N, C-alpha and C. Protein backbone atom coordinates (compact mmCIF):
# COMPACT_ATOMS: atom_id res chain seq x y z
N MET A 1 39.92 -43.33 -13.13
CA MET A 1 40.82 -42.46 -12.12
C MET A 1 40.87 -41.37 -12.61
N MET A 2 42.08 -40.58 -12.23
CA MET A 2 42.49 -39.22 -12.03
C MET A 2 43.96 -39.47 -12.16
N LYS A 3 44.37 -38.81 -13.40
CA LYS A 3 45.64 -38.70 -13.97
C LYS A 3 46.32 -37.40 -14.17
N GLU A 4 47.17 -37.31 -13.71
CA GLU A 4 48.48 -35.97 -14.61
C GLU A 4 49.93 -36.38 -15.08
N VAL A 5 49.47 -35.33 -15.94
CA VAL A 5 50.41 -35.63 -17.12
C VAL A 5 50.92 -34.28 -17.28
N LYS A 6 51.88 -34.08 -17.85
CA LYS A 6 52.77 -33.17 -18.69
C LYS A 6 54.04 -33.50 -20.13
N PHE A 7 53.37 -32.52 -20.64
CA PHE A 7 54.61 -32.70 -22.09
C PHE A 7 54.70 -31.64 -22.31
N ALA A 8 55.34 -31.01 -23.35
CA ALA A 8 55.68 -30.50 -24.22
C ALA A 8 54.79 -30.09 -25.57
N VAL A 9 54.94 -28.93 -25.76
CA VAL A 9 54.44 -28.48 -27.07
C VAL A 9 54.82 -27.36 -27.89
N GLU A 10 55.14 -27.75 -29.10
CA GLU A 10 56.12 -26.75 -29.56
C GLU A 10 55.54 -25.85 -30.60
N GLY A 11 56.30 -24.93 -30.90
CA GLY A 11 55.62 -24.16 -31.42
C GLY A 11 54.75 -22.63 -30.45
N LEU A 12 54.88 -22.45 -29.50
CA LEU A 12 53.67 -22.08 -28.76
C LEU A 12 54.10 -20.27 -28.88
N SER A 13 53.77 -19.58 -29.70
CA SER A 13 54.47 -18.24 -29.61
C SER A 13 54.19 -16.72 -29.63
N CYS A 14 52.93 -17.15 -28.71
CA CYS A 14 52.45 -15.99 -27.59
C CYS A 14 51.64 -16.46 -26.53
N PRO A 15 51.94 -15.54 -25.92
CA PRO A 15 50.90 -15.77 -23.85
C PRO A 15 49.48 -16.19 -24.58
N ASP A 16 48.95 -15.20 -25.28
CA ASP A 16 47.60 -15.44 -25.68
C ASP A 16 47.03 -16.83 -26.13
N CYS A 17 47.84 -17.33 -27.04
CA CYS A 17 48.23 -18.42 -27.75
C CYS A 17 47.54 -19.96 -26.27
N SER A 18 48.61 -19.30 -25.68
CA SER A 18 48.77 -20.59 -24.65
C SER A 18 47.33 -20.39 -23.12
N LYS A 19 47.03 -19.19 -23.53
CA LYS A 19 45.61 -18.74 -22.85
C LYS A 19 44.28 -19.41 -23.64
N LYS A 20 44.12 -19.82 -24.79
CA LYS A 20 43.50 -20.17 -25.92
C LYS A 20 43.33 -21.54 -25.27
N ILE A 21 44.97 -22.00 -25.65
CA ILE A 21 45.05 -23.78 -25.93
C ILE A 21 44.50 -24.31 -24.31
N GLU A 22 44.90 -23.69 -22.84
CA GLU A 22 44.21 -23.80 -21.74
C GLU A 22 42.83 -23.86 -21.72
N GLN A 23 42.29 -22.68 -21.96
CA GLN A 23 41.06 -22.48 -22.17
C GLN A 23 40.09 -23.64 -22.05
N ALA A 24 40.67 -23.99 -23.67
CA ALA A 24 39.63 -25.08 -24.40
C ALA A 24 40.00 -26.70 -23.91
N LEU A 25 41.49 -26.79 -23.18
CA LEU A 25 41.83 -27.70 -22.97
C LEU A 25 40.36 -28.01 -21.24
N ALA A 26 40.85 -27.05 -20.46
CA ALA A 26 39.40 -27.08 -19.76
C ALA A 26 38.21 -27.17 -20.04
N ALA A 27 37.63 -27.60 -21.22
CA ALA A 27 35.98 -26.76 -21.69
C ALA A 27 35.68 -28.43 -21.58
N GLN A 28 37.00 -28.99 -21.92
CA GLN A 28 36.33 -30.87 -21.92
C GLN A 28 35.99 -31.65 -20.98
N LYS A 29 35.22 -32.12 -21.10
CA LYS A 29 34.61 -33.30 -20.17
C LYS A 29 35.73 -34.21 -19.49
N GLY A 30 35.79 -34.01 -18.76
CA GLY A 30 36.44 -35.28 -17.93
C GLY A 30 37.90 -34.62 -17.60
N VAL A 31 38.02 -33.10 -17.80
CA VAL A 31 39.63 -32.47 -17.57
C VAL A 31 39.48 -31.81 -16.26
N LYS A 32 40.37 -31.94 -15.40
CA LYS A 32 39.87 -31.27 -14.02
C LYS A 32 40.59 -29.69 -14.10
N GLU A 33 41.61 -30.02 -14.55
CA GLU A 33 42.57 -28.47 -14.73
C GLU A 33 43.44 -28.90 -15.49
N ALA A 34 43.68 -27.86 -16.24
CA ALA A 34 44.69 -27.45 -17.26
C ALA A 34 45.55 -26.17 -17.24
N LYS A 35 46.85 -26.13 -17.34
CA LYS A 35 47.70 -24.95 -16.94
C LYS A 35 48.93 -24.90 -18.29
N VAL A 36 48.58 -23.95 -19.12
CA VAL A 36 49.93 -23.84 -20.12
C VAL A 36 50.71 -22.67 -20.14
N ILE A 37 52.51 -23.70 -20.00
CA ILE A 37 53.23 -22.45 -19.61
C ILE A 37 53.79 -22.02 -20.59
N PHE A 38 53.76 -20.92 -21.26
CA PHE A 38 54.09 -19.96 -22.60
C PHE A 38 55.53 -20.49 -22.50
N THR A 39 56.63 -19.70 -21.24
CA THR A 39 58.06 -19.68 -20.75
C THR A 39 58.70 -21.12 -21.10
N THR A 40 57.76 -22.33 -20.89
CA THR A 40 58.58 -23.57 -20.83
C THR A 40 58.06 -24.07 -22.24
N GLY A 41 56.68 -23.84 -22.70
CA GLY A 41 56.34 -24.23 -23.64
C GLY A 41 55.73 -25.49 -23.46
N SER A 42 55.18 -25.81 -22.40
CA SER A 42 54.89 -27.34 -21.54
C SER A 42 53.06 -26.89 -21.01
N VAL A 43 52.58 -28.35 -21.13
CA VAL A 43 51.37 -28.03 -20.38
C VAL A 43 50.96 -29.62 -19.40
N LYS A 44 50.44 -28.95 -18.52
CA LYS A 44 50.31 -30.11 -17.44
C LYS A 44 48.63 -30.27 -17.31
N VAL A 45 48.15 -31.31 -17.07
CA VAL A 45 46.88 -31.65 -17.13
C VAL A 45 46.50 -32.35 -16.45
N LYS A 46 45.20 -32.39 -15.60
CA LYS A 46 44.83 -33.71 -14.68
C LYS A 46 43.36 -33.65 -15.25
N PHE A 47 43.51 -34.89 -15.56
CA PHE A 47 41.81 -35.62 -16.15
C PHE A 47 41.59 -36.98 -15.66
N ASP A 48 40.46 -37.51 -15.90
CA ASP A 48 39.76 -38.70 -15.36
C ASP A 48 40.22 -39.55 -16.90
N ASP A 49 41.04 -40.07 -17.07
CA ASP A 49 40.96 -40.81 -17.68
C ASP A 49 39.94 -42.09 -18.42
N GLU A 50 38.88 -42.16 -17.62
CA GLU A 50 37.62 -42.90 -17.67
C GLU A 50 36.52 -42.33 -18.66
N VAL A 51 37.16 -40.63 -18.41
CA VAL A 51 36.37 -39.39 -19.13
C VAL A 51 36.99 -39.53 -20.87
N ILE A 52 38.18 -38.61 -20.90
CA ILE A 52 39.10 -38.50 -21.61
C ILE A 52 40.45 -39.20 -21.40
N THR A 53 40.91 -39.25 -22.72
CA THR A 53 41.78 -40.11 -23.22
C THR A 53 43.44 -39.23 -23.27
N LEU A 54 44.23 -39.69 -22.97
CA LEU A 54 45.29 -38.67 -23.65
C LEU A 54 45.61 -38.34 -24.67
N ASP A 55 45.27 -39.16 -25.69
CA ASP A 55 45.07 -38.55 -27.18
C ASP A 55 43.90 -37.55 -27.38
N ASP A 56 43.22 -37.98 -26.98
CA ASP A 56 41.65 -36.59 -26.94
C ASP A 56 42.53 -35.30 -26.95
N ILE A 57 43.33 -35.15 -25.57
CA ILE A 57 43.67 -34.18 -24.70
C ILE A 57 44.72 -33.58 -26.36
N LYS A 58 45.83 -34.46 -26.91
CA LYS A 58 46.83 -34.32 -27.62
C LYS A 58 45.73 -33.45 -28.79
N ARG A 59 45.00 -34.16 -28.88
CA ARG A 59 43.93 -33.49 -30.17
C ARG A 59 43.94 -32.34 -29.97
N VAL A 60 43.35 -31.92 -29.20
CA VAL A 60 42.63 -30.28 -29.05
C VAL A 60 43.80 -29.86 -28.88
N ILE A 61 45.83 -29.52 -28.87
CA ILE A 61 46.60 -28.85 -28.63
C ILE A 61 46.58 -28.68 -30.58
N LYS A 62 46.65 -30.20 -30.89
CA LYS A 62 47.10 -30.16 -32.35
C LYS A 62 45.90 -29.52 -33.46
N ASP A 63 44.59 -29.48 -32.83
CA ASP A 63 43.51 -28.37 -33.56
C ASP A 63 43.79 -27.31 -33.49
N PHE A 64 45.18 -26.89 -32.52
CA PHE A 64 45.35 -25.03 -32.43
C PHE A 64 46.55 -25.01 -33.52
N GLY A 65 46.99 -26.29 -34.18
CA GLY A 65 48.44 -26.28 -34.51
C GLY A 65 49.76 -26.49 -34.00
N TYR A 66 49.51 -26.81 -33.30
CA TYR A 66 50.59 -27.08 -32.51
C TYR A 66 51.27 -28.56 -32.62
N SER A 67 52.43 -28.78 -32.00
CA SER A 67 53.38 -30.44 -32.29
C SER A 67 53.22 -31.00 -31.11
N VAL A 68 52.78 -31.97 -31.00
CA VAL A 68 52.90 -32.42 -28.75
C VAL A 68 53.96 -33.62 -28.77
């Protein structure tokens, strides 16, 4: 089932970092759309929860060293 979530990411320090996270999320199987908004420190993700979990999505962000 397709879901959409929005949550805060702490510590985003530059637009390039935001773009890298966005690209990494978009590359995940089951993620339909990912948008990282540097100015607000937020992430919006549309995903199929039968393919990828919210915890998996958060883990991708945490692997970049950010808190979710």
